[in-house]
Structure formats: structure tokens, C-alpha cells
């Protein structure tokens, strides 16, 4: 009696070996999806359009990512990486000795894409997400933002000479990095039409930004080394 054929379980289907061109197809879908999400936003971008532009079968998104939602999560992480990656942060912190020089190199690297006429699609994706956060924002925070924030907090703590968990360290990180993010994601027409001096002299703008940031960090350091912040209690003693 012939053996009845059995359907493969979901686990067995997941475990199948990808085709030799799977990595290239996945990367193509990610890049294409990034461009479509940047143009249309998450709500209006369809799997059909992404696959048509990429020249892949309709089932390829589910095959490589599991779902349209999972694909968008990967797009968000890649978009954040286009601004600055963890590897770039690590490399910068190793290359220089003075933490102020490291911060200068980091902020200069972050602002470099803002001088381009056509920024990568990741900046437009992040602008849409900032203006209208979606359900996947928590995933972006956990997988992309937190690892970078951890490195930056350590750098700011060194500059301020304060414990890593001190509230002033977290506030100083926001004050230092947020202006750069705003300049990155803001439409190019704003500085050109409203603040033309800013658009014409990128080098001078960066030098003034660093004067502003470093002077502010020095003021914060003096204020908070002299007296602890109200309500702050150190989580654990500093290492000896």
C-alpha cells in the first residue's frame, strides 16, 4: 500500500535551505522597499508595488522577511543605520583619545549626508517615522537606537566626568545629538529659503555647532559636579 504523502509542517518549511541567490534578492527587496516606503509611507506602500519594482515574485516578501510588517521593521533599522551605524560609532571611539574629539568626529560624520543634494532613502523614511510614529517604533528603539545611545552615553559621561546613570548625562546626549538629527531630516528647502546663511556655509555652521555643544557641556559639568541633581540616586558605585 503506497505511503500517503504528508504536508510539511511550518517549521519544516521555515528550515528549508534558501536559493543561492537568496541573499541578493533579500537585499534588493530591502533597498526597493526603502525607496517605496520613503516615497509613500508605510500605510500607502504595497507589497505588490515593492515586488514589481524589484522584479521579484509576489511571494518573495513573505519568503525572505515573513511579512510586510517585518520588512518595514528591517527598513527602519537600515534607515537608522544610514544615519550612523554602531560599527562606525565604535570605530570613531577607538580612533581618538580625547572624548571631545570623538564627539566632534561623530557629529561631523552624522552631518556629512546633510550636505548632499540627494540624501539616501533612509533619511526620508526616518522623517516620516518621526512625524508619524507607527506600531514598529518600539522595535526601532530596541534594535537600532539603544545600542547607539549606550555608546554615546558613555562618551558624554566621560566629557562631563559624571556617572553614566546621572540624569545630566542623558539630557546632554539629547542636547548634543538632536540638532544634528533635525538638520539631517529637515527638508532642504527650509535652510535655503528661511536660513540662507546656514545653507551657504556648512563648515562655519558646524564649527559654531561644536562651540555651542562643547560650551553647553562644560556648563552642565560645572553645575552638576558641584551639586547632585534633585531626586537622583546613583544605581551602583563607580568602578574603582
Foldseek 3Di string as FASTA:
>chain_A
DDDDDDDDDPVVVLPDDDDPCLVVLLVLLLQLVLQQCLVQNLVPRDLVVSCVVSVHDSCSCCNNQNDSVSSVLVNLQVLLVLLPALVRLVVLVVPDDQLLVSLLVSLCSNQVQLLDPDHRSSLSNVLVCVVPPDPSVVVCCVPHVVSVVVSQLVSLCVLLVHDSPAPLSVVLSCVLCVVSSCSSNPDPVCCVPPVVVCSVCVPVVSVVSSVVSSVVSVVSSVVPVVDPDPPDDDPDDDDD
